[in-house]
Amino acid sequence: MNATLAAVALSLVSAAAYASAAVAQARLAGRTAPGTGTLRLLGSGAWWSAVGLNAGGALLHVAALKYGPLTLVQPLGALTLVAAVPLGARAAGRRVSTTEWRGTLLTLLGLGALLMTAGGSAPHETLSMVQALAVGAATVAVVAGLSRPGTRPGLRHAAASGITSGVASALTQTLTVAVTDHTTGPLFSWRLVVVAVLVSAFAMGGLLLSQTAYRGGLGAPLAVVTLANPVAAAAIGLALLGERLQGGTISLVPALLGSAAAVRGVILLSRAQAQTAPAADAVVAGPPPGTPSRVVIKSPRAAFHQEHGHLRRIRAGRP
């Protein structure tokens, strides 16, 4: 099996693990109060199940990054969306809506167009200490801006989660290549220690941000995560790791069209989420307070007198 096929196969299994983790996180978020702190989550078995699935997906993703570049491996994470949307609908006891299918399809087609422009050679370049610190500082600034209070916190937290996860993947590739390829430098160095710390911080930050994002539903936040992740990783790969798009400048056309289709898919998933959320809330909440009931329960004595009065009227020939 060549390097490209190995990267694709590992990415497929990784996407399945990430999809199961996303559904588990979404179900946990639906049962968790908005003000629940991190310590409460750490005491939840469901939380650790999601962490285990994410860890399994991450290990497979790390292995895939050894054999394929960021511009190839990261877009394959879109398959997480394919599996997670129907899994999430099934967990909620409903069918996947037509709008959700259309949004998922457009997102996948868009990311597929981006995937066609990706390079296929195994990675060899790594980030220097200065580059890793600069990427880390820029990521912290962007995440801080997206996490501020305001409208649509779910989608903004999802974007922050996707960016941190994409940056963690880029840093992970540097770590993996440096450890397995001794020509890039010594096996143990301060650079690798710093990169390992950044990977751990961004991976955990992405997990917590996605947990917050899924409180409003699964479809649209997961689509945003799926879109932001490869964009962030590919930007680092193209700008700092010497990766190139296939086809040169001409490949920018399908890349831009793919981006537009993916954004449209995210919008559709966001609309579908807004339509399904009120219906789910109505089922859980029941009738609004103050609504009169149509069922009248009488006392046994009143029911006895009413029944016998009705029988007397029938015998007398009255209705």
Foldseek 3Di string as FASTA:
>chain_A
DALQVLLLVLLVVLLVLLLVLLLLLLVVLQVDDLPDDPVVLVPDPSSVSSVVSNVVSVVSNLVSLQRFPLLQRLLSSLVNLVRNQQVNQVVLVHGRDPLLVLLSVLQNQLSVLSNLFFDGGGAQFADDLVRLVVLLVVLVVQLVVLCDDDPLNLQSLLLNLLLLLLSLSRLSSNLSNVCVPVVVDHNDDPSNVVSVVSSVVSNVSSVVSNSSNSSLHRNLSVLSSSLNNSVNNVVCCVPPRVTGTPPPPVSVVSNVVSNVSSVVSSVSSVVVSVVVVVVSVCVVVDDDPPDDDPDDDDDPVVVVVVVVVVVVCVVVVHD
